[in-house]
Amino acid sequence: MDPLSEITDSKNDRFVAESIGPILHVDGLGPSRYDVRLDAGTRSVRAYIVCAPDSPFTVAIGKRFWADCTTRFQAFADIPVEAGRREVAVTVPDATRFILLVIPTPTQPR
């Protein structure tokens, strides 16, 4: 399931807000890199990822985070960042499909 659908559903236990402006929202396959622009005032971001088949993954947005893929999304909260252009790198095996969502950390997290 797409993490954006879950975190914007007020009935979901992982609800964040009804409306979210993603910094990055992609459906990818294999290792990938994306350039993003973080607005002034952005101090931290949250990354959510779903991937399959089961395999290890790494997401890097300045700092590197890793775990094993699952069909239920995993979240990495409050990753410190500085405004400006940044690269988001996803490292997974070539045949691994993923959905990655990166949002600004909400000012009043639930």
PDB file of N, CA and C in Angstrom:
ATOM      1  N   MET A   1       0.845  -1.180   0.000  1.00  0.00           N
ATOM      2  CA  MET A   1       0.000   0.000   0.000  1.00  0.00           C
ATOM      3  C   MET A   1       0.892   1.246   0.000  1.00  0.00           C
ATOM      4  N   ASP A   2       0.443   2.267  -0.668  1.00  0.00           N
ATOM      5  CA  ASP A   2       1.164   3.531  -0.761  1.00  0.00           C
ATOM      6  C   ASP A   2       1.149   4.240   0.599  1.00  0.00           C
ATOM      7  N   PRO A   3       2.313   4.597   1.131  1.00  0.00           N
ATOM      8  CA  PRO A   3       2.352   5.275   2.433  1.00  0.00           C
ATOM      9  C   PRO A   3       1.531   6.562   2.471  1.00  0.00           C
ATOM     10  N   LEU A   4       1.455   7.307   1.357  1.00  0.00           N
ATOM     11  CA  LEU A   4       0.700   8.563   1.347  1.00  0.00           C
ATOM     12  C   LEU A   4      -0.772   8.315   1.642  1.00  0.00           C
ATOM     13  N   SER A   5      -1.332   7.234   1.109  1.00  0.00           N
ATOM     14  CA  SER A   5      -2.734   6.896   1.373  1.00  0.00           C
ATOM     15  C   SER A   5      -2.965   6.611   2.847  1.00  0.00           C
ATOM     16  N   GLU A   6      -2.009   5.960   3.476  1.00  0.00           N
ATOM     17  CA  GLU A   6      -2.163   5.594   4.884  1.00  0.00           C
ATOM     18  C   GLU A   6      -2.006   6.787   5.824  1.00  0.00           C
ATOM     19  N   ILE A   7      -1.007   7.637   5.587  1.00  0.00           N
ATOM     20  CA  ILE A   7      -0.757   8.723   6.544  1.00  0.00           C
ATOM     21  C   ILE A   7      -1.717   9.897   6.373  1.00  0.00           C
ATOM     22  N   THR A   8      -2.540   9.875   5.293  1.00  0.00           N
ATOM     23  CA  THR A   8      -3.559  10.916   5.120  1.00  0.00           C
ATOM     24  C   THR A   8      -4.967  10.401   5.419  1.00  0.00           C
ATOM     25  N   ASP A   9      -5.072   9.179   5.906  1.00  0.00           N
ATOM     26  CA  ASP A   9      -6.361   8.586   6.274  1.00  0.00           C
ATOM     27  C   ASP A   9      -6.549   8.724   7.784  1.00  0.00           C
ATOM     28  N   SER A  10      -7.487   9.570   8.192  1.00  0.00           N
ATOM     29  CA  SER A  10      -7.676   9.848   9.625  1.00  0.00           C
ATOM     30  C   SER A  10      -8.099   8.617  10.420  1.00  0.00           C
ATOM     31  N   LYS A  11      -8.549   7.564   9.755  1.00  0.00           N
ATOM     32  CA  LYS A  11      -8.937   6.334  10.456  1.00  0.00           C
ATOM     33  C   LYS A  11      -7.768   5.375  10.627  1.00  0.00           C
ATOM     34  N   ASN A  12      -6.642   5.693  10.013  1.00  0.00           N
ATOM     35  CA  ASN A  12      -5.467   4.833  10.067  1.00  0.00           C
ATOM     36  C   ASN A  12      -4.645   5.147  11.316  1.00  0.00           C
ATOM     37  N   ASP A  13      -4.084   4.117  11.953  1.00  0.00           N
ATOM     38  CA  ASP A  13      -3.282   4.335  13.161  1.00  0.00           C
ATOM     39  C   ASP A  13      -1.977   5.082  12.875  1.00  0.00           C
ATOM     40  N   ARG A  14      -1.602   5.229  11.608  1.00  0.00           N
ATOM     41  CA  ARG A  14      -0.380   5.960  11.248  1.00  0.00           C
ATOM     42  C   ARG A  14      -0.695   7.337  10.649  1.00  0.00           C
ATOM     43  N   PHE A  15      -1.890   7.836  10.925  1.00  0.00           N
ATOM     44  CA  PHE A  15      -2.341   9.131  10.407  1.00  0.00           C
ATOM     45  C   PHE A  15      -1.399  10.259  10.833  1.00  0.00           C
ATOM     46  N   VAL A  16      -1.086  11.141   9.873  1.00  0.00           N
ATOM     47  CA  VAL A  16      -0.262  12.323  10.143  1.00  0.00           C
ATOM     48  C   VAL A  16      -1.083  13.583   9.917  1.00  0.00           C
ATOM     49  N   ALA A  17      -1.692  13.710   8.741  1.00  0.00           N
ATOM     50  CA  ALA A  17      -2.518  14.869   8.394  1.00  0.00           C
ATOM     51  C   ALA A  17      -3.355  14.514   7.172  1.00  0.00           C
ATOM     52  N   GLU A  18      -4.493  15.213   7.002  1.00  0.00           N
ATOM     53  CA  GLU A  18      -5.357  14.927   5.860  1.00  0.00           C
ATOM     54  C   GLU A  18      -4.761  15.398   4.542  1.00  0.00           C
ATOM     55  N   SER A  19      -3.947  16.433   4.597  1.00  0.00           N
ATOM     56  CA  SER A  19      -3.330  16.964   3.384  1.00  0.00           C
ATOM     57  C   SER A  19      -1.839  17.158   3.630  1.00  0.00           C
ATOM     58  N   ILE A  20      -1.034  16.575   2.763  1.00  0.00           N
ATOM     59  CA  ILE A  20       0.420  16.655   2.919  1.00  0.00           C
ATOM     60  C   ILE A  20       1.027  16.978   1.563  1.00  0.00           C
ATOM     61  N   GLY A  21       1.944  17.923   1.548  1.00  0.00           N
ATOM     62  CA  GLY A  21       2.679  18.247   0.325  1.00  0.00           C
ATOM     63  C   GLY A  21       4.001  17.510   0.331  1.00  0.00           C
ATOM     64  N   PRO A  22       4.096  16.378  -0.384  1.00  0.00           N
ATOM     65  CA  PRO A  22       5.337  15.601  -0.371  1.00  0.00           C
ATOM     66  C   PRO A  22       6.515  16.349  -0.987  1.00  0.00           C
ATOM     67  N   ILE A  23       7.674  16.114  -0.442  1.00  0.00           N
ATOM     68  CA  ILE A  23       8.922  16.579  -1.042  1.00  0.00           C
ATOM     69  C   ILE A  23       9.283  15.626  -2.176  1.00  0.00           C
ATOM     70  N   LEU A  24       9.014  14.333  -1.955  1.00  0.00           N
ATOM     71  CA  LEU A  24       9.284  13.304  -2.952  1.00  0.00           C
ATOM     72  C   LEU A  24       8.282  12.177  -2.753  1.00  0.00           C
ATOM     73  N   HIS A  25       7.694  11.704  -3.849  1.00  0.00           N
ATOM     74  CA  HIS A  25       6.745  10.591  -3.809  1.00  0.00           C
ATOM     75  C   HIS A  25       6.948   9.816  -5.098  1.00  0.00           C
ATOM     76  N   VAL A  26       7.640   8.682  -5.021  1.00  0.00           N
ATOM     77  CA  VAL A  26       8.003   7.932  -6.226  1.00  0.00           C
ATOM     78  C   VAL A  26       7.736   6.446  -6.075  1.00  0.00           C
ATOM     79  N   ASP A  27       7.444   5.834  -7.206  1.00  0.00           N
ATOM     80  CA  ASP A  27       7.308   4.389  -7.332  1.00  0.00           C
ATOM     81  C   ASP A  27       8.496   3.968  -8.186  1.00  0.00           C
ATOM     82  N   GLY A  28       9.442   3.239  -7.611  1.00  0.00           N
ATOM     83  CA  GLY A  28      10.671   2.937  -8.328  1.00  0.00           C
ATOM     84  C   GLY A  28      11.004   1.463  -8.367  1.00  0.00           C
ATOM     85  N   LEU A  29      12.057   1.154  -9.125  1.00  0.00           N
ATOM     86  CA  LEU A  29      12.540  -0.215  -9.254  1.00  0.00           C
ATOM     87  C   LEU A  29      14.058  -0.180  -9.253  1.00  0.00           C
ATOM     88  N   GLY A  30      14.642  -0.917  -8.329  1.00  0.00           N
ATOM     89  CA  GLY A  30      16.097  -0.976  -8.262  1.00  0.00           C
ATOM     90  C   GLY A  30      16.716   0.285  -7.686  1.00  0.00           C
ATOM     91  N   PRO A  31      18.040   0.306  -7.603  1.00  0.00           N
ATOM     92  CA  PRO A  31      18.741   1.453  -7.017  1.00  0.00           C
ATOM     93  C   PRO A  31      18.381   2.736  -7.770  1.00  0.00           C
ATOM     94  N   SER A  32      18.122   3.808  -7.031  1.00  0.00           N
ATOM     95  CA  SER A  32      17.678   5.062  -7.653  1.00  0.00           C
ATOM     96  C   SER A  32      18.182   6.263  -6.872  1.00  0.00           C
ATOM     97  N   ARG A  33      18.303   7.391  -7.587  1.00  0.00           N
ATOM     98  CA  ARG A  33      18.692   8.666  -6.975  1.00  0.00           C
ATOM     99  C   ARG A  33      17.738   9.745  -7.466  1.00  0.00           C
ATOM    100  N   TYR A  34      17.392  10.648  -6.557  1.00  0.00           N
ATOM    101  CA  TYR A  34      16.465  11.731  -6.877  1.00  0.00           C
ATOM    102  C   TYR A  34      17.001  13.032  -6.298  1.00  0.00           C
ATOM    103  N   ASP A  35      16.896  14.098  -7.077  1.00  0.00           N
ATOM    104  CA  ASP A  35      17.243  15.425  -6.585  1.00  0.00           C
ATOM    105  C   ASP A  35      15.978  16.083  -6.071  1.00  0.00           C
ATOM    106  N   VAL A  36      16.060  16.663  -4.880  1.00  0.00           N
ATOM    107  CA  VAL A  36      14.919  17.373  -4.295  1.00  0.00           C
ATOM    108  C   VAL A  36      15.369  18.753  -3.841  1.00  0.00           C
ATOM    109  N   ARG A  37      14.403  19.642  -3.707  1.00  0.00           N
ATOM    110  CA  ARG A  37      14.686  20.971  -3.177  1.00  0.00           C
ATOM    111  C   ARG A  37      13.921  21.117  -1.875  1.00  0.00           C
ATOM    112  N   LEU A  38      14.649  21.386  -0.807  1.00  0.00           N
ATOM    113  CA  LEU A  38      14.036  21.584   0.503  1.00  0.00           C
ATOM    114  C   LEU A  38      13.860  23.077   0.724  1.00  0.00           C
ATOM    115  N   ASP A  39      12.636  23.486   1.004  1.00  0.00           N
ATOM    116  CA  ASP A  39      12.324  24.897   1.203  1.00  0.00           C
ATOM    117  C   ASP A  39      13.012  25.459   2.435  1.00  0.00           C
ATOM    118  N   ALA A  40      13.243  26.769   2.413  1.00  0.00           N
ATOM    119  CA  ALA A  40      13.798  27.456   3.583  1.00  0.00           C
ATOM    120  C   ALA A  40      12.896  27.164   4.777  1.00  0.00           C
ATOM    121  N   GLY A  41      13.477  26.933   5.905  1.00  0.00           N
ATOM    122  CA  GLY A  41      12.712  26.615   7.105  1.00  0.00           C
ATOM    123  C   GLY A  41      12.534  25.124   7.333  1.00  0.00           C
ATOM    124  N   THR A  42      12.829  24.298   6.336  1.00  0.00           N
ATOM    125  CA  THR A  42      12.750  22.846   6.519  1.00  0.00           C
ATOM    126  C   THR A  42      13.940  22.411   7.361  1.00  0.00           C
ATOM    127  N   ARG A  43      13.656  21.884   8.539  1.00  0.00           N
ATOM    128  CA  ARG A  43      14.725  21.460   9.452  1.00  0.00           C
ATOM    129  C   ARG A  43      14.867  19.948   9.533  1.00  0.00           C
ATOM    130  N   SER A  44      13.771  19.251   9.215  1.00  0.00           N
ATOM    131  CA  SER A  44      13.826  17.792   9.234  1.00  0.00           C
ATOM    132  C   SER A  44      12.737  17.236   8.325  1.00  0.00           C
ATOM    133  N   VAL A  45      12.943  15.982   7.920  1.00  0.00           N
ATOM    134  CA  VAL A  45      11.980  15.304   7.050  1.00  0.00           C
ATOM    135  C   VAL A  45      11.686  13.920   7.606  1.00  0.00           C
ATOM    136  N   ARG A  46      10.592  13.347   7.118  1.00  0.00           N
ATOM    137  CA  ARG A  46      10.256  11.958   7.423  1.00  0.00           C
ATOM    138  C   ARG A  46      10.244  11.188   6.117  1.00  0.00           C
ATOM    139  N   ALA A  47      10.843  10.030   6.138  1.00  0.00           N
ATOM    140  CA  ALA A  47      10.854   9.161   4.962  1.00  0.00           C
ATOM    141  C   ALA A  47      10.056   7.905   5.279  1.00  0.00           C
ATOM    142  N   TYR A  48       9.198   7.515   4.345  1.00  0.00           N
ATOM    143  CA  TYR A  48       8.391   6.304   4.461  1.00  0.00           C
ATOM    144  C   TYR A  48       8.706   5.440   3.249  1.00  0.00           C
ATOM    145  N   ILE A  49       8.890   4.153   3.450  1.00  0.00           N
ATOM    146  CA  ILE A  49       9.192   3.267   2.323  1.00  0.00           C
ATOM    147  C   ILE A  49       8.466   1.935   2.467  1.00  0.00           C
ATOM    148  N   VAL A  50       8.002   1.438   1.331  1.00  0.00           N
ATOM    149  CA  VAL A  50       7.443   0.096   1.190  1.00  0.00           C
ATOM    150  C   VAL A  50       8.251  -0.546   0.080  1.00  0.00           C
ATOM    151  N   CYS A  51       8.681  -1.786   0.249  1.00  0.00           N
ATOM    152  CA  CYS A  51       9.412  -2.434  -0.836  1.00  0.00           C
ATOM    153  C   CYS A  51       9.224  -3.946  -0.795  1.00  0.00           C
ATOM    154  N   ALA A  52       9.362  -4.561  -1.977  1.00  0.00           N
ATOM    155  CA  ALA A  52       9.223  -6.008  -2.108  1.00  0.00           C
ATOM    156  C   ALA A  52       9.955  -6.436  -3.376  1.00  0.00           C
ATOM    157  N   PRO A  53      10.498  -7.622  -3.471  1.00  0.00           N
ATOM    158  CA  PRO A  53      10.432  -8.692  -2.480  1.00  0.00           C
ATOM    159  C   PRO A  53      11.325  -8.397  -1.279  1.00  0.00           C
ATOM    160  N   ASP A  54      11.196  -9.257  -0.279  1.00  0.00           N
ATOM    161  CA  ASP A  54      11.984  -9.085   0.936  1.00  0.00           C
ATOM    162  C   ASP A  54      13.463  -9.007   0.599  1.00  0.00           C
ATOM    163  N   SER A  55      14.081  -7.940   1.028  1.00  0.00           N
ATOM    164  CA  SER A  55      15.514  -7.730   0.815  1.00  0.00           C
ATOM    165  C   SER A  55      15.920  -6.526   1.651  1.00  0.00           C
ATOM    166  N   PRO A  56      17.199  -6.350   1.892  1.00  0.00           N
ATOM    167  CA  PRO A  56      17.624  -5.170   2.633  1.00  0.00           C
ATOM    168  C   PRO A  56      17.537  -3.926   1.749  1.00  0.00           C
ATOM    169  N   PHE A  57      17.327  -2.765   2.377  1.00  0.00           N
ATOM    170  CA  PHE A  57      17.338  -1.507   1.643  1.00  0.00           C
ATOM    171  C   PHE A  57      18.081  -0.460   2.451  1.00  0.00           C
ATOM    172  N   THR A  58      18.486   0.594   1.764  1.00  0.00           N
ATOM    173  CA  THR A  58      19.084   1.764   2.401  1.00  0.00           C
ATOM    174  C   THR A  58      18.450   2.996   1.780  1.00  0.00           C
ATOM    175  N   VAL A  59      18.093   3.959   2.606  1.00  0.00           N
ATOM    176  CA  VAL A  59      17.640   5.267   2.141  1.00  0.00           C
ATOM    177  C   VAL A  59      18.603   6.280   2.723  1.00  0.00           C
ATOM    178  N   ALA A  60      19.117   7.165   1.877  1.00  0.00           N
ATOM    179  CA  ALA A  60      20.050   8.194   2.346  1.00  0.00           C
ATOM    180  C   ALA A  60      19.528   9.570   1.961  1.00  0.00           C
ATOM    181  N   ILE A  61      19.372  10.406   2.981  1.00  0.00           N
ATOM    182  CA  ILE A  61      19.035  11.822   2.805  1.00  0.00           C
ATOM    183  C   ILE A  61      19.982  12.551   3.750  1.00  0.00           C
ATOM    184  N   GLY A  62      21.207  12.694   3.343  1.00  0.00           N
ATOM    185  CA  GLY A  62      22.218  13.219   4.259  1.00  0.00           C
ATOM    186  C   GLY A  62      22.701  12.117   5.179  1.00  0.00           C
ATOM    187  N   LYS A  63      21.805  11.548   5.963  1.00  0.00           N
ATOM    188  CA  LYS A  63      22.118  10.398   6.817  1.00  0.00           C
ATOM    189  C   LYS A  63      21.587   9.148   6.142  1.00  0.00           C
ATOM    190  N   ARG A  64      22.121   8.012   6.522  1.00  0.00           N
ATOM    191  CA  ARG A  64      21.749   6.742   5.915  1.00  0.00           C
ATOM    192  C   ARG A  64      20.918   5.930   6.911  1.00  0.00           C
ATOM    193  N   PHE A  65      19.819   5.360   6.411  1.00  0.00           N
ATOM    194  CA  PHE A  65      18.946   4.518   7.217  1.00  0.00           C
ATOM    195  C   PHE A  65      18.723   3.219   6.472  1.00  0.00           C
ATOM    196  N   TRP A  66      18.611   2.122   7.193  1.00  0.00           N
ATOM    197  CA  TRP A  66      18.473   0.828   6.531  1.00  0.00           C
ATOM    198  C   TRP A  66      17.608  -0.101   7.363  1.00  0.00           C
ATOM    199  N   ALA A  67      17.059  -1.087   6.676  1.00  0.00           N
ATOM    200  CA  ALA A  67      16.254  -2.135   7.302  1.00  0.00           C
ATOM    201  C   ALA A  67      15.979  -3.171   6.217  1.00  0.00           C
ATOM    202  N   ASP A  68      15.040  -4.056   6.476  1.00  0.00           N
ATOM    203  CA  ASP A  68      14.634  -5.042   5.483  1.00  0.00           C
ATOM    204  C   ASP A  68      13.284  -4.634   4.905  1.00  0.00           C
ATOM    205  N   CYS A  69      13.091  -4.872   3.611  1.00  0.00           N
ATOM    206  CA  CYS A  69      11.845  -4.532   2.929  1.00  0.00           C
ATOM    207  C   CYS A  69      10.665  -5.280   3.537  1.00  0.00           C
ATOM    208  N   THR A  70       9.535  -4.588   3.566  1.00  0.00           N
ATOM    209  CA  THR A  70       8.274  -5.208   3.959  1.00  0.00           C
ATOM    210  C   THR A  70       7.167  -4.566   3.132  1.00  0.00           C
ATOM    211  N   THR A  71       6.010  -5.231   3.085  1.00  0.00           N
ATOM    212  CA  THR A  71       4.880  -4.666   2.359  1.00  0.00           C
ATOM    213  C   THR A  71       4.092  -3.685   3.218  1.00  0.00           C
ATOM    214  N   ARG A  72       4.435  -3.560   4.482  1.00  0.00           N
ATOM    215  CA  ARG A  72       3.865  -2.531   5.376  1.00  0.00           C
ATOM    216  C   ARG A  72       4.938  -1.469   5.508  1.00  0.00           C
ATOM    217  N   PHE A  73       4.584  -0.212   5.289  1.00  0.00           N
ATOM    218  CA  PHE A  73       5.635   0.798   5.223  1.00  0.00           C
ATOM    219  C   PHE A  73       6.372   0.986   6.534  1.00  0.00           C
ATOM    220  N   GLN A  74       7.624   1.369   6.389  1.00  0.00           N
ATOM    221  CA  GLN A  74       8.472   1.706   7.523  1.00  0.00           C
ATOM    222  C   GLN A  74       8.735   3.204   7.462  1.00  0.00           C
ATOM    223  N   ALA A  75       8.902   3.820   8.606  1.00  0.00           N
ATOM    224  CA  ALA A  75       9.123   5.261   8.652  1.00  0.00           C
ATOM    225  C   ALA A  75      10.400   5.575   9.403  1.00  0.00           C
ATOM    226  N   PHE A  76      11.082   6.585   8.913  1.00  0.00           N
ATOM    227  CA  PHE A  76      12.256   7.128   9.588  1.00  0.00           C
ATOM    228  C   PHE A  76      11.910   8.571   9.893  1.00  0.00           C
ATOM    229  N   ALA A  77      11.708   8.889  11.154  1.00  0.00           N
ATOM    230  CA  ALA A  77      11.174  10.196  11.523  1.00  0.00           C
ATOM    231  C   ALA A  77      12.263  11.184  11.891  1.00  0.00           C
ATOM    232  N   ASP A  78      11.971  12.436  11.582  1.00  0.00           N
ATOM    233  CA  ASP A  78      12.792  13.561  12.015  1.00  0.00           C
ATOM    234  C   ASP A  78      14.259  13.432  11.618  1.00  0.00           C
ATOM    235  N   ILE A  79      14.493  13.259  10.321  1.00  0.00           N
ATOM    236  CA  ILE A  79      15.848  13.219   9.780  1.00  0.00           C
ATOM    237  C   ILE A  79      16.309  14.660   9.627  1.00  0.00           C
ATOM    238  N   PRO A  80      17.338  15.091  10.350  1.00  0.00           N
ATOM    239  CA  PRO A  80      17.777  16.489  10.246  1.00  0.00           C
ATOM    240  C   PRO A  80      18.323  16.792   8.850  1.00  0.00           C
ATOM    241  N   VAL A  81      17.902  17.923   8.300  1.00  0.00           N
ATOM    242  CA  VAL A  81      18.355  18.351   6.974  1.00  0.00           C
ATOM    243  C   VAL A  81      18.533  19.868   6.973  1.00  0.00           C
ATOM    244  N   GLU A  82      19.199  20.363   5.942  1.00  0.00           N
ATOM    245  CA  GLU A  82      19.306  21.797   5.717  1.00  0.00           C
ATOM    246  C   GLU A  82      18.581  22.119   4.425  1.00  0.00           C
ATOM    247  N   ALA A  83      18.020  23.320   4.339  1.00  0.00           N
ATOM    248  CA  ALA A  83      17.310  23.745   3.136  1.00  0.00           C
ATOM    249  C   ALA A  83      18.260  23.762   1.943  1.00  0.00           C
ATOM    250  N   GLY A  84      17.687  23.664   0.748  1.00  0.00           N
ATOM    251  CA  GLY A  84      18.467  23.686  -0.483  1.00  0.00           C
ATOM    252  C   GLY A  84      18.310  22.397  -1.261  1.00  0.00           C
ATOM    253  N   ARG A  85      19.141  22.230  -2.256  1.00  0.00           N
ATOM    254  CA  ARG A  85      19.094  21.015  -3.081  1.00  0.00           C
ATOM    255  C   ARG A  85      19.762  19.862  -2.340  1.00  0.00           C
ATOM    256  N   ARG A  86      19.103  18.721  -2.368  1.00  0.00           N
ATOM    257  CA  ARG A  86      19.622  17.523  -1.722  1.00  0.00           C
ATOM    258  C   ARG A  86      19.383  16.329  -2.630  1.00  0.00           C
ATOM    259  N   GLU A  87      20.156  15.281  -2.398  1.00  0.00           N
ATOM    260  CA  GLU A  87      19.955  14.035  -3.127  1.00  0.00           C
ATOM    261  C   GLU A  87      19.371  13.001  -2.179  1.00  0.00           C
ATOM    262  N   VAL A  88      18.383  12.275  -2.672  1.00  0.00           N
ATOM    263  CA  VAL A  88      17.802  11.152  -1.945  1.00  0.00           C
ATOM    264  C   VAL A  88      18.211   9.901  -2.711  1.00  0.00           C
ATOM    265  N   ALA A  89      18.887   8.987  -2.039  1.00  0.00           N
ATOM    266  CA  ALA A  89      19.358   7.759  -2.685  1.00  0.00           C
ATOM    267  C   ALA A  89      18.675   6.553  -2.051  1.00  0.00           C
ATOM    268  N   VAL A  90      18.190   5.664  -2.896  1.00  0.00           N
ATOM    269  CA  VAL A  90      17.580   4.411  -2.455  1.00  0.00           C
ATOM    270  C   VAL A  90      18.455   3.283  -2.990  1.00  0.00           C
ATOM    271  N   THR A  91      18.922   2.429  -2.099  1.00  0.00           N
ATOM    272  CA  THR A  91      19.726   1.283  -2.503  1.00  0.00           C
ATOM    273  C   THR A  91      18.940   0.016  -2.191  1.00  0.00           C
ATOM    274  N   VAL A  92      18.556  -0.684  -3.243  1.00  0.00           N
ATOM    275  CA  VAL A  92      17.849  -1.962  -3.148  1.00  0.00           C
ATOM    276  C   VAL A  92      18.368  -2.841  -4.284  1.00  0.00           C
ATOM    277  N   PRO A  93      18.147  -4.159  -4.224  1.00  0.00           N
ATOM    278  CA  PRO A  93      18.525  -5.007  -5.354  1.00  0.00           C
ATOM    279  C   PRO A  93      17.794  -4.572  -6.636  1.00  0.00           C
ATOM    280  N   ASP A  94      18.377  -4.903  -7.785  1.00  0.00           N
ATOM    281  CA  ASP A  94      17.841  -4.467  -9.080  1.00  0.00           C
ATOM    282  C   ASP A  94      16.366  -4.787  -9.291  1.00  0.00           C
ATOM    283  N   ALA A  95      15.897  -5.930  -8.844  1.00  0.00           N
ATOM    284  CA  ALA A  95      14.515  -6.351  -9.096  1.00  0.00           C
ATOM    285  C   ALA A  95      13.547  -5.947  -7.986  1.00  0.00           C
ATOM    286  N   THR A  96      13.971  -5.104  -7.067  1.00  0.00           N
ATOM    287  CA  THR A  96      13.119  -4.727  -5.941  1.00  0.00           C
ATOM    288  C   THR A  96      12.327  -3.471  -6.269  1.00  0.00           C
ATOM    289  N   ARG A  97      11.006  -3.575  -6.172  1.00  0.00           N
ATOM    290  CA  ARG A  97      10.112  -2.443  -6.390  1.00  0.00           C
ATOM    291  C   ARG A  97       9.922  -1.733  -5.054  1.00  0.00           C
ATOM    292  N   PHE A  98       9.821  -0.404  -5.105  1.00  0.00           N
ATOM    293  CA  PHE A  98       9.609   0.358  -3.876  1.00  0.00           C
ATOM    294  C   PHE A  98       8.718   1.561  -4.135  1.00  0.00           C
ATOM    295  N   ILE A  99       8.084   2.030  -3.072  1.00  0.00           N
ATOM    296  CA  ILE A  99       7.402   3.317  -3.064  1.00  0.00           C
ATOM    297  C   ILE A  99       8.052   4.101  -1.938  1.00  0.00           C
ATOM    298  N   LEU A 100       8.553   5.279  -2.265  1.00  0.00           N
ATOM    299  CA  LEU A 100       9.223   6.133  -1.287  1.00  0.00           C
ATOM    300  C   LEU A 100       8.468   7.444  -1.181  1.00  0.00           C
ATOM    301  N   LEU A 101       8.210   7.856   0.046  1.00  0.00           N
ATOM    302  CA  LEU A 101       7.550   9.121   0.334  1.00  0.00           C
ATOM    303  C   LEU A 101       8.423   9.890   1.311  1.00  0.00           C
ATOM    304  N   VAL A 102       8.734  11.138   0.986  1.00  0.00           N
ATOM    305  CA  VAL A 102       9.488  12.012   1.884  1.00  0.00           C
ATOM    306  C   VAL A 102       8.647  13.263   2.093  1.00  0.00           C
ATOM    307  N   ILE A 103       8.375  13.598   3.363  1.00  0.00           N
ATOM    308  CA  ILE A 103       7.575  14.783   3.683  1.00  0.00           C
ATOM    309  C   ILE A 103       8.323  15.639   4.696  1.00  0.00           C
ATOM    310  N   PRO A 104       7.989  16.938   4.760  1.00  0.00           N
ATOM    311  CA  PRO A 104       8.543  17.744   5.850  1.00  0.00           C
ATOM    312  C   PRO A 104       8.000  17.201   7.174  1.00  0.00           C
ATOM    313  N   THR A 105       8.815  17.185   8.210  1.00  0.00           N
ATOM    314  CA  THR A 105       8.328  16.738   9.517  1.00  0.00           C
ATOM    315  C   THR A 105       7.219  17.683   9.968  1.00  0.00           C
ATOM    316  N   PRO A 106       6.048  17.143  10.317  1.00  0.00           N
ATOM    317  CA  PRO A 106       4.959  18.007  10.776  1.00  0.00           C
ATOM    318  C   PRO A 106       5.381  18.805  12.008  1.00  0.00           C
ATOM    319  N   THR A 107       4.882  20.038  12.107  1.00  0.00           N
ATOM    320  CA  THR A 107       5.252  20.869  13.250  1.00  0.00           C
ATOM    321  C   THR A 107       4.642  20.359  14.546  1.00  0.00           C
ATOM    322  N   GLN A 108       3.506  19.688  14.458  1.00  0.00           N
ATOM    323  CA  GLN A 108       2.877  19.088  15.636  1.00  0.00           C
ATOM    324  C   GLN A 108       2.593  17.625  15.342  1.00  0.00           C
ATOM    325  N   PRO A 109       3.638  16.756  15.402  1.00  0.00           N
ATOM    326  CA  PRO A 109       3.427  15.345  15.065  1.00  0.00           C
ATOM    327  C   PRO A 109       2.416  14.684  15.979  1.00  0.00           C
ATOM    328  N   ARG A 110       1.664  13.756  15.397  1.00  0.00           N
ATOM    329  CA  ARG A 110       0.668  12.999  16.164  1.00  0.00           C
ATOM    330  C   ARG A 110       1.292  11.752  16.711  1.00  0.00           C
TER     331      ARG A 110
END
